[in-house]
Amino acid sequence: MAQNSKGSRREREFLEHLSSKGFLVHRVAGSGVGDTAICDLIAVRSGITHLIEVKSRKKTFYSREHLEQLNQLKKAAESCGAKALLAVKLNYKEWKVFDLSEGIPEKVS
């Protein structure tokens, strides 16, 4: 299975999860492609906008490239008054959601 198809599947899976919790959620076209895609999902509930990056991984550590991407997401969210979140699905584990305003996790376990 191509890596981007797994990522797209996980994005849709998390979108459905958020929708079931009462969020209005939109999957960003072209997420993961090019420099202009800031996040994978935009979710709104109770007047709060969330910019969400979805990761599906085997490893618990992030590459330098991913850390830079999360820093850019955090800055973009701050500039527009949104909340930046990271949703991670490690293989065979439950979703973990991190509020990036509290810092970028060095490791996901």
C-alpha atoms as a PDB file:
ATOM      1  CA  MET A   1       0.000   0.000   0.000  1.00  0.00           C
ATOM      2  CA  ALA A   2       1.365   3.423  -0.896  1.00  0.00           C
ATOM      3  CA  GLN A   3       2.284   5.574   2.103  1.00  0.00           C
ATOM      4  CA  ASN A   4       0.074   8.474   0.987  1.00  0.00           C
ATOM      5  CA  SER A   5      -2.968   6.197   0.632  1.00  0.00           C
ATOM      6  CA  LYS A   6      -2.463   5.050   4.230  1.00  0.00           C
ATOM      7  CA  GLY A   7      -2.194   8.686   5.318  1.00  0.00           C
ATOM      8  CA  SER A   8      -5.354   9.617   3.416  1.00  0.00           C
ATOM      9  CA  ARG A   9      -7.198   6.701   4.994  1.00  0.00           C
ATOM     10  CA  ARG A  10      -6.119   7.801   8.469  1.00  0.00           C
ATOM     11  CA  GLU A  11      -7.183  11.394   7.734  1.00  0.00           C
ATOM     12  CA  ARG A  12     -10.660  10.184   6.739  1.00  0.00           C
ATOM     13  CA  GLU A  13     -10.786   7.926   9.798  1.00  0.00           C
ATOM     14  CA  PHE A  14      -9.983  10.819  12.140  1.00  0.00           C
ATOM     15  CA  LEU A  15     -12.436  13.068  10.277  1.00  0.00           C
ATOM     16  CA  GLU A  16     -15.210  10.543  10.986  1.00  0.00           C
ATOM     17  CA  HIS A  17     -14.106  10.325  14.621  1.00  0.00           C
ATOM     18  CA  LEU A  18     -14.353  14.108  15.051  1.00  0.00           C
ATOM     19  CA  SER A  19     -17.675  14.294  13.182  1.00  0.00           C
ATOM     20  CA  SER A  20     -19.138  11.738  15.585  1.00  0.00           C
ATOM     21  CA  LYS A  21     -18.072  14.025  18.456  1.00  0.00           C
ATOM     22  CA  GLY A  22     -20.009  16.999  17.054  1.00  0.00           C
ATOM     23  CA  PHE A  23     -17.255  18.779  15.127  1.00  0.00           C
ATOM     24  CA  LEU A  24     -17.807  20.291  11.698  1.00  0.00           C
ATOM     25  CA  VAL A  25     -14.770  18.911   9.845  1.00  0.00           C
ATOM     26  CA  HIS A  26     -13.254  19.545   6.414  1.00  0.00           C
ATOM     27  CA  ARG A  27     -10.372  17.613   4.875  1.00  0.00           C
ATOM     28  CA  VAL A  28      -7.932  19.988   3.190  1.00  0.00           C
ATOM     29  CA  ALA A  29      -7.416  19.304  -0.511  1.00  0.00           C
ATOM     30  CA  GLY A  30      -3.784  18.690  -1.349  1.00  0.00           C
ATOM     31  CA  SER A  31      -2.735  18.225   2.257  1.00  0.00           C
ATOM     32  CA  GLY A  32       0.720  16.740   2.432  1.00  0.00           C
ATOM     33  CA  VAL A  33       1.591  18.101  -1.021  1.00  0.00           C
ATOM     34  CA  GLY A  34       3.714  21.189  -1.538  1.00  0.00           C
ATOM     35  CA  ASP A  35       4.490  24.064   0.775  1.00  0.00           C
ATOM     36  CA  THR A  36       1.030  25.642   0.839  1.00  0.00           C
ATOM     37  CA  ALA A  37      -0.786  22.824   2.657  1.00  0.00           C
ATOM     38  CA  ILE A  38      -0.694  23.870   6.307  1.00  0.00           C
ATOM     39  CA  CYS A  39      -2.708  21.018   7.807  1.00  0.00           C
ATOM     40  CA  ASP A  40      -4.772  17.931   6.958  1.00  0.00           C
ATOM     41  CA  LEU A  41      -8.076  18.794   8.634  1.00  0.00           C
ATOM     42  CA  ILE A  42      -9.914  21.914   9.770  1.00  0.00           C
ATOM     43  CA  ALA A  43     -12.438  21.266  12.528  1.00  0.00           C
ATOM     44  CA  VAL A  44     -14.821  23.679  14.258  1.00  0.00           C
ATOM     45  CA  ARG A  45     -16.871  23.176  17.392  1.00  0.00           C
ATOM     46  CA  SER A  46     -18.294  25.671  19.893  1.00  0.00           C
ATOM     47  CA  GLY A  47     -16.746  28.566  17.962  1.00  0.00           C
ATOM     48  CA  ILE A  48     -13.205  27.201  18.207  1.00  0.00           C
ATOM     49  CA  THR A  49     -11.284  26.417  15.031  1.00  0.00           C
ATOM     50  CA  HIS A  50      -8.749  23.601  15.091  1.00  0.00           C
ATOM     51  CA  LEU A  51      -6.006  23.110  12.487  1.00  0.00           C
ATOM     52  CA  ILE A  52      -5.086  19.433  12.649  1.00  0.00           C
ATOM     53  CA  GLU A  53      -2.138  17.491  11.309  1.00  0.00           C
ATOM     54  CA  VAL A  54      -2.789  13.747  11.129  1.00  0.00           C
ATOM     55  CA  LYS A  55       0.093  11.287  11.308  1.00  0.00           C
ATOM     56  CA  SER A  56       0.060   7.525  11.008  1.00  0.00           C
ATOM     57  CA  ARG A  57       3.359   5.981  11.939  1.00  0.00           C
ATOM     58  CA  LYS A  58       5.333   2.986  13.079  1.00  0.00           C
ATOM     59  CA  LYS A  59       8.036   4.999  14.829  1.00  0.00           C
ATOM     60  CA  THR A  60       7.574   7.077  17.962  1.00  0.00           C
ATOM     61  CA  PHE A  61      10.055   9.820  16.999  1.00  0.00           C
ATOM     62  CA  TYR A  62       9.724  12.607  14.417  1.00  0.00           C
ATOM     63  CA  SER A  63      12.091  13.465  11.611  1.00  0.00           C
ATOM     64  CA  ARG A  64      13.488  16.990  11.389  1.00  0.00           C
ATOM     65  CA  GLU A  65      11.180  17.584   8.403  1.00  0.00           C
ATOM     66  CA  HIS A  66       8.078  16.687  10.404  1.00  0.00           C
ATOM     67  CA  LEU A  67       9.164  18.861  13.328  1.00  0.00           C
ATOM     68  CA  GLU A  68       9.503  21.834  10.991  1.00  0.00           C
ATOM     69  CA  GLN A  69       6.057  21.119   9.530  1.00  0.00           C
ATOM     70  CA  LEU A  70       4.536  21.072  13.045  1.00  0.00           C
ATOM     71  CA  ASN A  71       6.288  24.340  13.933  1.00  0.00           C
ATOM     72  CA  GLN A  72       4.823  25.958  10.820  1.00  0.00           C
ATOM     73  CA  LEU A  73       1.359  24.658  11.726  1.00  0.00           C
ATOM     74  CA  LYS A  74       1.703  26.059  15.234  1.00  0.00           C
ATOM     75  CA  LYS A  75       2.700  29.497  13.901  1.00  0.00           C
ATOM     76  CA  ALA A  76      -0.133  29.517  11.334  1.00  0.00           C
ATOM     77  CA  ALA A  77      -2.702  28.629  13.989  1.00  0.00           C
ATOM     78  CA  GLU A  78      -1.424  31.340  16.329  1.00  0.00           C
ATOM     79  CA  SER A  79      -1.593  33.938  13.554  1.00  0.00           C
ATOM     80  CA  CYS A  80      -5.295  33.296  12.905  1.00  0.00           C
ATOM     81  CA  GLY A  81      -6.502  32.551  16.437  1.00  0.00           C
ATOM     82  CA  ALA A  82      -6.947  28.817  15.848  1.00  0.00           C
ATOM     83  CA  LYS A  83      -5.819  25.860  17.893  1.00  0.00           C
ATOM     84  CA  ALA A  84      -3.079  23.630  16.424  1.00  0.00           C
ATOM     85  CA  LEU A  85      -3.459  19.906  17.083  1.00  0.00           C
ATOM     86  CA  LEU A  86      -1.477  16.827  16.182  1.00  0.00           C
ATOM     87  CA  ALA A  87      -3.413  13.556  15.903  1.00  0.00           C
ATOM     88  CA  VAL A  88      -1.216  10.459  15.819  1.00  0.00           C
ATOM     89  CA  LYS A  89      -2.203   6.870  15.174  1.00  0.00           C
ATOM     90  CA  LEU A  90       0.612   4.456  15.962  1.00  0.00           C
ATOM     91  CA  ASN A  91       0.130   1.020  14.478  1.00  0.00           C
ATOM     92  CA  TYR A  92      -2.183  -1.105  16.635  1.00  0.00           C
ATOM     93  CA  LYS A  93      -2.766   1.685  19.180  1.00  0.00           C
ATOM     94  CA  GLU A  94      -5.478   4.255  19.864  1.00  0.00           C
ATOM     95  CA  TRP A  95      -5.420   7.835  18.573  1.00  0.00           C
ATOM     96  CA  LYS A  96      -3.340  10.315  20.568  1.00  0.00           C
ATOM     97  CA  VAL A  97      -4.090  14.023  20.237  1.00  0.00           C
ATOM     98  CA  PHE A  98      -1.600  16.722  21.234  1.00  0.00           C
ATOM     99  CA  ASP A  99      -2.268  20.443  21.663  1.00  0.00           C
ATOM    100  CA  LEU A 100       0.745  22.047  19.961  1.00  0.00           C
ATOM    101  CA  SER A 101       0.368  25.256  21.989  1.00  0.00           C
ATOM    102  CA  GLU A 102       1.658  23.162  24.902  1.00  0.00           C
ATOM    103  CA  GLY A 103       4.700  22.190  22.856  1.00  0.00           C
ATOM    104  CA  ILE A 104       5.562  19.668  20.197  1.00  0.00           C
ATOM    105  CA  PRO A 105       6.020  16.200  21.650  1.00  0.00           C
ATOM    106  CA  GLU A 106       9.491  14.810  21.048  1.00  0.00           C
ATOM    107  CA  LYS A 107       8.192  11.282  21.167  1.00  0.00           C
ATOM    108  CA  VAL A 108       4.785   9.651  20.778  1.00  0.00           C
ATOM    109  CA  SER A 109       4.225   6.445  22.687  1.00  0.00           C
END
